[in-house]
All heavy atoms as atom14 arrays in JSON, in Angstrom:
{
  "sequence": "LVDFRSQHQTPVGRSGQGPGEYQLPGALLAAPGDTTLLVDLVSRRFL",
  "atom14_mask": [
    [1, 1, 1, 1, 1, 1, 1, 1, 0, 0, 0, 0, 0, 0],
    [1, 1, 1, 1, 1, 1, 1, 0, 0, 0, 0, 0, 0, 0],
    [1, 1, 1, 1, 1, 1, 1, 1, 0, 0, 0, 0, 0, 0],
    [1, 1, 1, 1, 1, 1, 1, 1, 1, 1, 1, 0, 0, 0],
    [1, 1, 1, 1, 1, 1, 1, 1, 1, 1, 1, 0, 0, 0],
    [1, 1, 1, 1, 1, 1, 0, 0, 0, 0, 0, 0, 0, 0],
    [1, 1, 1, 1, 1, 1, 1, 1, 1, 0, 0, 0, 0, 0],
    [1, 1, 1, 1, 1, 1, 1, 1, 1, 1, 0, 0, 0, 0],
    [1, 1, 1, 1, 1, 1, 1, 1, 1, 0, 0, 0, 0, 0],
    [1, 1, 1, 1, 1, 1, 1, 0, 0, 0, 0, 0, 0, 0],
    [1, 1, 1, 1, 1, 1, 1, 0, 0, 0, 0, 0, 0, 0],
    [1, 1, 1, 1, 1, 1, 1, 0, 0, 0, 0, 0, 0, 0],
    [1, 1, 1, 1, 0, 0, 0, 0, 0, 0, 0, 0, 0, 0],
    [1, 1, 1, 1, 1, 1, 1, 1, 1, 1, 1, 0, 0, 0],
    [1, 1, 1, 1, 1, 1, 0, 0, 0, 0, 0, 0, 0, 0],
    [1, 1, 1, 1, 0, 0, 0, 0, 0, 0, 0, 0, 0, 0],
    [1, 1, 1, 1, 1, 1, 1, 1, 1, 0, 0, 0, 0, 0],
    [1, 1, 1, 1, 0, 0, 0, 0, 0, 0, 0, 0, 0, 0],
    [1, 1, 1, 1, 1, 1, 1, 0, 0, 0, 0, 0, 0, 0],
    [1, 1, 1, 1, 0, 0, 0, 0, 0, 0, 0, 0, 0, 0],
    [1, 1, 1, 1, 1, 1, 1, 1, 1, 0, 0, 0, 0, 0],
    [1, 1, 1, 1, 1, 1, 1, 1, 1, 1, 1, 1, 0, 0],
    [1, 1, 1, 1, 1, 1, 1, 1, 1, 0, 0, 0, 0, 0],
    [1, 1, 1, 1, 1, 1, 1, 1, 0, 0, 0, 0, 0, 0],
    [1, 1, 1, 1, 1, 1, 1, 0, 0, 0, 0, 0, 0, 0],
    [1, 1, 1, 1, 0, 0, 0, 0, 0, 0, 0, 0, 0, 0],
    [1, 1, 1, 1, 1, 0, 0, 0, 0, 0, 0, 0, 0, 0],
    [1, 1, 1, 1, 1, 1, 1, 1, 0, 0, 0, 0, 0, 0],
    [1, 1, 1, 1, 1, 1, 1, 1, 0, 0, 0, 0, 0, 0],
    [1, 1, 1, 1, 1, 0, 0, 0, 0, 0, 0, 0, 0, 0],
    [1, 1, 1, 1, 1, 0, 0, 0, 0, 0, 0, 0, 0, 0],
    [1, 1, 1, 1, 1, 1, 1, 0, 0, 0, 0, 0, 0, 0],
    [1, 1, 1, 1, 0, 0, 0, 0, 0, 0, 0, 0, 0, 0],
    [1, 1, 1, 1, 1, 1, 1, 1, 0, 0, 0, 0, 0, 0],
    [1, 1, 1, 1, 1, 1, 1, 0, 0, 0, 0, 0, 0, 0],
    [1, 1, 1, 1, 1, 1, 1, 0, 0, 0, 0, 0, 0, 0],
    [1, 1, 1, 1, 1, 1, 1, 1, 0, 0, 0, 0, 0, 0],
    [1, 1, 1, 1, 1, 1, 1, 1, 0, 0, 0, 0, 0, 0],
    [1, 1, 1, 1, 1, 1, 1, 0, 0, 0, 0, 0, 0, 0],
    [1, 1, 1, 1, 1, 1, 1, 1, 0, 0, 0, 0, 0, 0],
    [1, 1, 1, 1, 1, 1, 1, 1, 0, 0, 0, 0, 0, 0],
    [1, 1, 1, 1, 1, 1, 1, 0, 0, 0, 0, 0, 0, 0],
    [1, 1, 1, 1, 1, 1, 0, 0, 0, 0, 0, 0, 0, 0],
    [1, 1, 1, 1, 1, 1, 1, 1, 1, 1, 1, 0, 0, 0],
    [1, 1, 1, 1, 1, 1, 1, 1, 1, 1, 1, 0, 0, 0],
    [1, 1, 1, 1, 1, 1, 1, 1, 1, 1, 1, 0, 0, 0],
    [1, 1, 1, 1, 1, 1, 1, 1, 0, 0, 0, 0, 0, 0]
  ],
  "atom14_positions": [
    [[-7.16, -0.98, -4.01], [-8.31, -0.48, -3.27], [-9.52, -1.21, -3.83], [-9.85, -1.08, -5.01], [-8.45, 1.03, -3.44], [-9.59, 1.7, -2.69], [-9.37, 1.61, -1.17], [-9.74, 3.17, -3.11], [0.0, 0.0, 0.0], [0.0, 0.0, 0.0], [0.0, 0.0, 0.0], [0.0, 0.0, 0.0], [0.0, 0.0, 0.0], [0.0, 0.0, 0.0]],
    [[-10.18, -2.01, -2.98], [-11.26, -2.89, -3.42], [-12.59, -2.35, -2.9], [-12.72, -2.04, -1.72], [-11.02, -4.33, -2.91], [-12.23, -5.2, -3.17], [-9.77, -4.92, -3.56], [0.0, 0.0, 0.0], [0.0, 0.0, 0.0], [0.0, 0.0, 0.0], [0.0, 0.0, 0.0], [0.0, 0.0, 0.0], [0.0, 0.0, 0.0], [0.0, 0.0, 0.0]],
    [[-13.58, -2.27, -3.78], [-14.92, -1.8, -3.43], [-15.92, -2.92, -3.73], [-16.2, -3.21, -4.89], [-15.25, -0.54, -4.24], [-16.54, 0.12, -3.77], [-17.32, -0.53, -3.05], [-16.78, 1.29, -4.14], [0.0, 0.0, 0.0], [0.0, 0.0, 0.0], [0.0, 0.0, 0.0], [0.0, 0.0, 0.0], [0.0, 0.0, 0.0], [0.0, 0.0, 0.0]],
    [[-16.45, -3.55, -2.68], [-17.43, -4.61, -2.88], [-18.72, -4.06, -3.49], [-19.4, -4.77, -4.23], [-17.74, -5.28, -1.54], [-16.98, -6.56, -1.3], [-15.72, -6.54, -0.72], [-17.51, -7.78, -1.68], [-15.02, -7.71, -0.5], [-16.82, -8.96, -1.47], [-15.56, -8.93, -0.88], [0.0, 0.0, 0.0], [0.0, 0.0, 0.0], [0.0, 0.0, 0.0]],
    [[-19.05, -2.82, -3.17], [-20.32, -2.25, -3.65], [-20.32, -2.13, -5.17], [-21.27, -2.53, -5.85], [-20.58, -0.9, -3.01], [-21.91, -0.26, -3.4], [-22.13, 1.02, -2.63], [-22.16, 0.78, -1.19], [-22.24, 1.73, -0.27], [-22.29, 3.02, -0.64], [-22.26, 1.43, 1.02], [0.0, 0.0, 0.0], [0.0, 0.0, 0.0], [0.0, 0.0, 0.0]],
    [[-19.25, -1.58, -5.72], [-19.16, -1.4, -7.17], [-18.5, -2.57, -7.87], [-18.47, -2.62, -9.1], [-18.39, -0.12, -7.49], [-17.03, -0.24, -7.09], [0.0, 0.0, 0.0], [0.0, 0.0, 0.0], [0.0, 0.0, 0.0], [0.0, 0.0, 0.0], [0.0, 0.0, 0.0], [0.0, 0.0, 0.0], [0.0, 0.0, 0.0], [0.0, 0.0, 0.0]],
    [[-17.95, -3.51, -7.08], [-17.21, -4.65, -7.62], [-16.07, -4.18, -8.52], [-15.83, -4.72, -9.6], [-18.15, -5.59, -8.38], [-19.11, -6.35, -7.48], [-18.41, -7.41, -6.62], [-17.65, -8.22, -7.11], [-18.66, -7.37, -5.32], [0.0, 0.0, 0.0], [0.0, 0.0, 0.0], [0.0, 0.0, 0.0], [0.0, 0.0, 0.0], [0.0, 0.0, 0.0]],
    [[-15.35, -3.18, -8.02], [-14.24, -2.6, -8.8], [-13.02, -2.48, -7.91], [-13.13, -2.22, -6.7], [-14.64, -1.22, -9.34], [-13.57, -0.56, -10.16], [-13.23, -1.0, -11.41], [-12.76, 0.5, -9.89], [-12.25, -0.23, -11.9], [-11.95, 0.67, -10.98], [0.0, 0.0, 0.0], [0.0, 0.0, 0.0], [0.0, 0.0, 0.0], [0.0, 0.0, 0.0]],
    [[-11.84, -2.69, -8.49], [-10.6, -2.51, -7.76], [-9.69, -1.53, -8.5], [-9.67, -1.49, -9.73], [-9.87, -3.84, -7.54], [-9.37, -4.53, -8.79], [-8.67, -5.85, -8.46], [-8.89, -6.44, -7.41], [-7.82, -6.32, -9.36], [0.0, 0.0, 0.0], [0.0, 0.0, 0.0], [0.0, 0.0, 0.0], [0.0, 0.0, 0.0], [0.0, 0.0, 0.0]],
    [[-8.94, -0.73, -7.72], [-8.07, 0.29, -8.27], [-6.65, 0.05, -7.76], [-6.44, -0.08, -6.55], [-8.53, 1.69, -7.83], [-9.9, 1.87, -8.19], [-7.69, 2.76, -8.48], [0.0, 0.0, 0.0], [0.0, 0.0, 0.0], [0.0, 0.0, 0.0], [0.0, 0.0, 0.0], [0.0, 0.0, 0.0], [0.0, 0.0, 0.0], [0.0, 0.0, 0.0]],
    [[-5.65, 0.01, -8.65], [-4.28, -0.15, -8.19], [-3.84, 1.03, -7.34], [-4.21, 2.18, -7.6], [-3.47, -0.22, -9.49], [-4.45, -0.58, -10.56], [-5.75, 0.03, -10.13], [0.0, 0.0, 0.0], [0.0, 0.0, 0.0], [0.0, 0.0, 0.0], [0.0, 0.0, 0.0], [0.0, 0.0, 0.0], [0.0, 0.0, 0.0], [0.0, 0.0, 0.0]],
    [[-3.05, 0.74, -6.3], [-2.49, 1.77, -5.43], [-0.98, 1.73, -5.6], [-0.33, 0.74, -5.26], [-2.85, 1.52, -3.96], [-2.19, 2.55, -3.06], [-4.36, 1.53, -3.77], [0.0, 0.0, 0.0], [0.0, 0.0, 0.0], [0.0, 0.0, 0.0], [0.0, 0.0, 0.0], [0.0, 0.0, 0.0], [0.0, 0.0, 0.0], [0.0, 0.0, 0.0]],
    [[-0.4, 2.8, -6.15], [1.03, 2.82, -6.39], [1.44, 1.76, -7.39], [0.63, 1.24, -8.16], [0.0, 0.0, 0.0], [0.0, 0.0, 0.0], [0.0, 0.0, 0.0], [0.0, 0.0, 0.0], [0.0, 0.0, 0.0], [0.0, 0.0, 0.0], [0.0, 0.0, 0.0], [0.0, 0.0, 0.0], [0.0, 0.0, 0.0], [0.0, 0.0, 0.0]],
    [[2.74, 1.42, -7.37], [3.24, 0.38, -8.28], [4.54, -0.19, -7.75], [5.15, 0.36, -6.83], [3.47, 0.97, -9.67], [4.51, 2.09, -9.7], [4.64, 2.68, -11.09], [5.66, 3.71, -11.13], [5.97, 4.41, -12.24], [5.31, 4.17, -13.36], [6.9, 5.34, -12.2], [0.0, 0.0, 0.0], [0.0, 0.0, 0.0], [0.0, 0.0, 0.0]],
    [[4.94, -1.32, -8.34], [6.17, -1.98, -7.92], [7.39, -1.21, -8.42], [7.43, -0.76, -9.56], [6.2, -3.41, -8.46], [7.38, -4.07, -8.08], [0.0, 0.0, 0.0], [0.0, 0.0, 0.0], [0.0, 0.0, 0.0], [0.0, 0.0, 0.0], [0.0, 0.0, 0.0], [0.0, 0.0, 0.0], [0.0, 0.0, 0.0], [0.0, 0.0, 0.0]],
    [[8.36, -1.06, -7.54], [9.58, -0.32, -7.89], [10.31, 0.15, -6.66], [9.97, -0.24, -5.53], [0.0, 0.0, 0.0], [0.0, 0.0, 0.0], [0.0, 0.0, 0.0], [0.0, 0.0, 0.0], [0.0, 0.0, 0.0], [0.0, 0.0, 0.0], [0.0, 0.0, 0.0], [0.0, 0.0, 0.0], [0.0, 0.0, 0.0], [0.0, 0.0, 0.0]],
    [[11.32, 1.0, -6.83], [12.13, 1.5, -5.73], [12.07, 3.01, -5.57], [12.73, 3.56, -4.7], [13.59, 1.07, -5.92], [13.79, -0.42, -6.02], [15.25, -0.8, -6.17], [16.12, -0.29, -5.46], [15.55, -1.69, -7.11], [0.0, 0.0, 0.0], [0.0, 0.0, 0.0], [0.0, 0.0, 0.0], [0.0, 0.0, 0.0], [0.0, 0.0, 0.0]],
    [[11.28, 3.68, -6.42], [11.23, 5.12, -6.36], [10.1, 5.63, -5.5], [9.42, 4.88, -4.8], [0.0, 0.0, 0.0], [0.0, 0.0, 0.0], [0.0, 0.0, 0.0], [0.0, 0.0, 0.0], [0.0, 0.0, 0.0], [0.0, 0.0, 0.0], [0.0, 0.0, 0.0], [0.0, 0.0, 0.0], [0.0, 0.0, 0.0], [0.0, 0.0, 0.0]],
    [[9.85, 6.96, -5.55], [8.73, 7.55, -4.79], [7.4, 6.94, -5.23], [7.14, 6.77, -6.42], [8.81, 9.04, -5.16], [10.22, 9.24, -5.61], [10.64, 7.96, -6.28], [0.0, 0.0, 0.0], [0.0, 0.0, 0.0], [0.0, 0.0, 0.0], [0.0, 0.0, 0.0], [0.0, 0.0, 0.0], [0.0, 0.0, 0.0], [0.0, 0.0, 0.0]],
    [[6.56, 6.61, -4.26], [5.27, 6.02, -4.57], [5.36, 4.61, -5.1], [4.41, 4.11, -5.71], [0.0, 0.0, 0.0], [0.0, 0.0, 0.0], [0.0, 0.0, 0.0], [0.0, 0.0, 0.0], [0.0, 0.0, 0.0], [0.0, 0.0, 0.0], [0.0, 0.0, 0.0], [0.0, 0.0, 0.0], [0.0, 0.0, 0.0], [0.0, 0.0, 0.0]],
    [[6.49, 3.93, -4.86], [6.67, 2.57, -5.32], [7.11, 1.68, -4.16], [7.65, 2.14, -3.16], [7.72, 2.51, -6.45], [7.32, 3.29, -7.68], [8.39, 3.28, -8.75], [9.58, 3.06, -8.4], [8.06, 3.5, -9.93], [0.0, 0.0, 0.0], [0.0, 0.0, 0.0], [0.0, 0.0, 0.0], [0.0, 0.0, 0.0], [0.0, 0.0, 0.0]],
    [[6.88, 0.39, -4.31], [7.24, -0.57, -3.27], [7.87, -1.78, -3.94], [7.5, -2.17, -5.05], [6.0, -1.0, -2.46], [4.73, -1.09, -3.27], [4.48, -2.19, -4.1], [3.8, -0.06, -3.25], [3.33, -2.27, -4.86], [2.63, -0.14, -4.01], [2.41, -1.24, -4.81], [1.27, -1.31, -5.58], [0.0, 0.0, 0.0], [0.0, 0.0, 0.0]],
    [[8.84, -2.4, -3.26], [9.5, -3.58, -3.8], [8.73, -4.85, -3.49], [8.58, -5.72, -4.33], [10.94, -3.69, -3.26], [11.88, -2.65, -3.83], [13.31, -2.88, -3.39], [13.78, -2.32, -2.41], [14.02, -3.72, -4.12], [0.0, 0.0, 0.0], [0.0, 0.0, 0.0], [0.0, 0.0, 0.0], [0.0, 0.0, 0.0], [0.0, 0.0, 0.0]],
    [[8.27, -4.98, -2.24], [7.5, -6.16, -1.85], [6.43, -5.73, -0.86], [6.71, -5.59, 0.34], [8.42, -7.22, -1.22], [7.75, -8.57, -0.91], [7.29, -9.25, -2.21], [8.7, -9.47, -0.15], [0.0, 0.0, 0.0], [0.0, 0.0, 0.0], [0.0, 0.0, 0.0], [0.0, 0.0, 0.0], [0.0, 0.0, 0.0], [0.0, 0.0, 0.0]],
    [[5.2, -5.5, -1.31], [4.15, -5.02, -0.41], [3.78, -6.08, 0.61], [3.56, -7.25, 0.27], [2.98, -4.71, -1.35], [3.2, -5.6, -2.53], [4.69, -5.72, -2.68], [0.0, 0.0, 0.0], [0.0, 0.0, 0.0], [0.0, 0.0, 0.0], [0.0, 0.0, 0.0], [0.0, 0.0, 0.0], [0.0, 0.0, 0.0], [0.0, 0.0, 0.0]],
    [[3.72, -5.68, 1.88], [3.43, -6.63, 2.95], [2.22, -6.25, 3.76], [1.14, -6.01, 3.21], [0.0, 0.0, 0.0], [0.0, 0.0, 0.0], [0.0, 0.0, 0.0], [0.0, 0.0, 0.0], [0.0, 0.0, 0.0], [0.0, 0.0, 0.0], [0.0, 0.0, 0.0], [0.0, 0.0, 0.0], [0.0, 0.0, 0.0], [0.0, 0.0, 0.0]],
    [[2.39, -6.15, 5.07], [1.28, -5.88, 5.98], [0.69, -4.49, 5.74], [1.36, -3.57, 5.27], [1.74, -6.02, 7.42], [0.0, 0.0, 0.0], [0.0, 0.0, 0.0], [0.0, 0.0, 0.0], [0.0, 0.0, 0.0], [0.0, 0.0, 0.0], [0.0, 0.0, 0.0], [0.0, 0.0, 0.0], [0.0, 0.0, 0.0], [0.0, 0.0, 0.0]],
    [[-0.59, -4.36, 6.08], [-1.31, -3.09, 6.01], [-1.73, -2.74, 7.43], [-2.61, -3.38, 8.0], [-2.53, -3.21, 5.1], [-2.22, -3.5, 3.62], [-3.45, -4.06, 2.91], [-1.74, -2.24, 2.92], [0.0, 0.0, 0.0], [0.0, 0.0, 0.0], [0.0, 0.0, 0.0], [0.0, 0.0, 0.0], [0.0, 0.0, 0.0], [0.0, 0.0, 0.0]],
    [[-1.08, -1.72, 8.02], [-1.26, -1.41, 9.43], [-2.16, -0.18, 9.58], [-1.91, 0.87, 8.97], [0.1, -1.13, 10.09], [1.18, -2.2, 9.87], [2.46, -1.81, 10.61], [0.69, -3.57, 10.31], [0.0, 0.0, 0.0], [0.0, 0.0, 0.0], [0.0, 0.0, 0.0], [0.0, 0.0, 0.0], [0.0, 0.0, 0.0], [0.0, 0.0, 0.0]],
    [[-3.22, -0.34, 10.39], [-4.13, 0.78, 10.63], [-3.44, 1.84, 11.47], [-2.92, 1.56, 12.55], [-5.38, 0.27, 11.35], [0.0, 0.0, 0.0], [0.0, 0.0, 0.0], [0.0, 0.0, 0.0], [0.0, 0.0, 0.0], [0.0, 0.0, 0.0], [0.0, 0.0, 0.0], [0.0, 0.0, 0.0], [0.0, 0.0, 0.0], [0.0, 0.0, 0.0]],
    [[-3.41, 3.08, 10.99], [-2.77, 4.2, 11.67], [-3.79, 5.3, 11.92], [-4.89, 5.29, 11.36], [-1.59, 4.71, 10.84], [0.0, 0.0, 0.0], [0.0, 0.0, 0.0], [0.0, 0.0, 0.0], [0.0, 0.0, 0.0], [0.0, 0.0, 0.0], [0.0, 0.0, 0.0], [0.0, 0.0, 0.0], [0.0, 0.0, 0.0], [0.0, 0.0, 0.0]],
    [[-3.47, 6.27, 12.8], [-4.41, 7.35, 13.09], [-4.82, 8.13, 11.84], [-4.09, 8.17, 10.85], [-3.63, 8.23, 14.07], [-2.63, 7.32, 14.7], [-2.25, 6.36, 13.62], [0.0, 0.0, 0.0], [0.0, 0.0, 0.0], [0.0, 0.0, 0.0], [0.0, 0.0, 0.0], [0.0, 0.0, 0.0], [0.0, 0.0, 0.0], [0.0, 0.0, 0.0]],
    [[-5.99, 8.74, 11.91], [-6.48, 9.55, 10.81], [-6.9, 8.75, 9.6], [-6.84, 9.26, 8.47], [0.0, 0.0, 0.0], [0.0, 0.0, 0.0], [0.0, 0.0, 0.0], [0.0, 0.0, 0.0], [0.0, 0.0, 0.0], [0.0, 0.0, 0.0], [0.0, 0.0, 0.0], [0.0, 0.0, 0.0], [0.0, 0.0, 0.0], [0.0, 0.0, 0.0]],
    [[-7.33, 7.51, 9.81], [-7.76, 6.64, 8.72], [-6.64, 6.39, 7.71], [-6.9, 6.03, 6.55], [-8.99, 7.21, 7.99], [-10.21, 7.24, 8.89], [-10.24, 6.46, 9.86], [-11.12, 8.04, 8.62], [0.0, 0.0, 0.0], [0.0, 0.0, 0.0], [0.0, 0.0, 0.0], [0.0, 0.0, 0.0], [0.0, 0.0, 0.0], [0.0, 0.0, 0.0]],
    [[-5.4, 6.59, 8.15], [-4.24, 6.32, 7.3], [-3.83, 4.86, 7.47], [-4.01, 4.27, 8.52], [-3.07, 7.25, 7.68], [-3.47, 8.6, 7.49], [-1.84, 6.97, 6.83], [0.0, 0.0, 0.0], [0.0, 0.0, 0.0], [0.0, 0.0, 0.0], [0.0, 0.0, 0.0], [0.0, 0.0, 0.0], [0.0, 0.0, 0.0], [0.0, 0.0, 0.0]],
    [[-3.27, 4.3, 6.43], [-2.74, 2.94, 6.47], [-1.25, 2.99, 6.17], [-0.82, 3.69, 5.24], [-3.44, 2.05, 5.43], [-4.85, 2.03, 5.69], [-2.9, 0.63, 5.47], [0.0, 0.0, 0.0], [0.0, 0.0, 0.0], [0.0, 0.0, 0.0], [0.0, 0.0, 0.0], [0.0, 0.0, 0.0], [0.0, 0.0, 0.0], [0.0, 0.0, 0.0]],
    [[-0.46, 2.26, 6.95], [0.96, 2.14, 6.67], [1.2, 0.82, 5.95], [0.95, -0.25, 6.5], [1.79, 2.18, 7.96], [1.74, 3.47, 8.78], [2.77, 3.41, 9.92], [1.99, 4.69, 7.92], [0.0, 0.0, 0.0], [0.0, 0.0, 0.0], [0.0, 0.0, 0.0], [0.0, 0.0, 0.0], [0.0, 0.0, 0.0], [0.0, 0.0, 0.0]],
    [[1.67, 0.9, 4.72], [2.04, -0.28, 3.95], [3.49, -0.62, 4.25], [4.38, 0.23, 4.11], [1.87, -0.01, 2.45], [2.49, -1.04, 1.5], [1.77, -2.39, 1.63], [2.45, -0.53, 0.05], [0.0, 0.0, 0.0], [0.0, 0.0, 0.0], [0.0, 0.0, 0.0], [0.0, 0.0, 0.0], [0.0, 0.0, 0.0], [0.0, 0.0, 0.0]],
    [[3.74, -1.85, 4.68], [5.09, -2.28, 5.03], [5.8, -2.77, 3.77], [5.3, -3.65, 3.07], [5.06, -3.4, 6.08], [6.48, -3.85, 6.42], [4.34, -2.94, 7.33], [0.0, 0.0, 0.0], [0.0, 0.0, 0.0], [0.0, 0.0, 0.0], [0.0, 0.0, 0.0], [0.0, 0.0, 0.0], [0.0, 0.0, 0.0], [0.0, 0.0, 0.0]],
    [[6.96, -2.18, 3.49], [7.85, -2.66, 2.42], [9.13, -3.12, 3.1], [10.05, -2.34, 3.32], [8.13, -1.55, 1.42], [8.93, -2.04, 0.21], [9.32, -3.22, 0.2], [9.17, -1.24, -0.72], [0.0, 0.0, 0.0], [0.0, 0.0, 0.0], [0.0, 0.0, 0.0], [0.0, 0.0, 0.0], [0.0, 0.0, 0.0], [0.0, 0.0, 0.0]],
    [[9.18, -4.4, 3.47], [10.28, -4.91, 4.28], [11.59, -4.88, 3.52], [12.65, -4.62, 4.1], [9.97, -6.35, 4.73], [11.0, -7.02, 5.64], [11.21, -6.22, 6.91], [10.58, -8.44, 5.98], [0.0, 0.0, 0.0], [0.0, 0.0, 0.0], [0.0, 0.0, 0.0], [0.0, 0.0, 0.0], [0.0, 0.0, 0.0], [0.0, 0.0, 0.0]],
    [[11.57, -5.14, 2.22], [12.8, -5.15, 1.43], [13.48, -3.79, 1.48], [14.7, -3.68, 1.63], [12.5, -5.56, -0.02], [13.75, -5.42, -0.89], [11.98, -6.99, -0.07], [0.0, 0.0, 0.0], [0.0, 0.0, 0.0], [0.0, 0.0, 0.0], [0.0, 0.0, 0.0], [0.0, 0.0, 0.0], [0.0, 0.0, 0.0], [0.0, 0.0, 0.0]],
    [[12.69, -2.72, 1.4], [13.24, -1.36, 1.44], [13.32, -0.8, 2.85], [13.76, 0.34, 3.03], [12.39, -0.43, 0.57], [12.38, -0.86, -0.78], [0.0, 0.0, 0.0], [0.0, 0.0, 0.0], [0.0, 0.0, 0.0], [0.0, 0.0, 0.0], [0.0, 0.0, 0.0], [0.0, 0.0, 0.0], [0.0, 0.0, 0.0], [0.0, 0.0, 0.0]],
    [[12.88, -1.58, 3.85], [12.88, -1.14, 5.26], [12.19, 0.22, 5.4], [12.75, 1.18, 5.91], [14.3, -1.07, 5.81], [14.88, -2.43, 6.2], [16.3, -2.31, 6.73], [16.42, -1.33, 7.79], [16.24, -1.59, 9.09], [15.94, -2.81, 9.49], [16.37, -0.64, 9.99], [0.0, 0.0, 0.0], [0.0, 0.0, 0.0], [0.0, 0.0, 0.0]],
    [[10.94, 0.28, 4.94], [10.21, 1.53, 5.03], [8.71, 1.27, 5.0], [8.25, 0.18, 4.65], [10.61, 2.48, 3.9], [10.24, 1.97, 2.5], [10.71, 2.93, 1.43], [10.29, 2.52, 0.1], [10.53, 3.2, -1.02], [11.21, 4.34, -0.94], [10.11, 2.77, -2.18], [0.0, 0.0, 0.0], [0.0, 0.0, 0.0], [0.0, 0.0, 0.0]],
    [[7.96, 2.32, 5.38], [6.51, 2.32, 5.28], [6.1, 3.33, 4.22], [6.74, 4.37, 4.04], [5.85, 2.74, 6.6], [6.23, 1.9, 7.78], [7.19, 2.33, 8.68], [5.59, 0.69, 8.03], [7.53, 1.56, 9.78], [5.91, -0.08, 9.12], [6.89, 0.36, 10.02], [0.0, 0.0, 0.0], [0.0, 0.0, 0.0], [0.0, 0.0, 0.0]],
    [[5.0, 3.04, 3.52], [4.38, 3.98, 2.62], [3.01, 4.31, 3.17], [2.21, 3.41, 3.47], [4.26, 3.43, 1.19], [5.54, 3.42, 0.34], [6.44, 2.26, 0.76], [5.21, 3.31, -1.14], [0.0, 0.0, 0.0], [0.0, 0.0, 0.0], [0.0, 0.0, 0.0], [0.0, 0.0, 0.0], [0.0, 0.0, 0.0], [0.0, 0.0, 0.0]]
  ]
}
């Protein structure tokens, strides 16, 4: 999560195969309710 105003970035989740983890983070798809779907193609799932 990148903030140009504060010039600070915060990690979102981490690499892995468990809950809240992703193997290969890919596209970031805009979804309703200001939600973003992170594509993890290796695990065939969205976070």
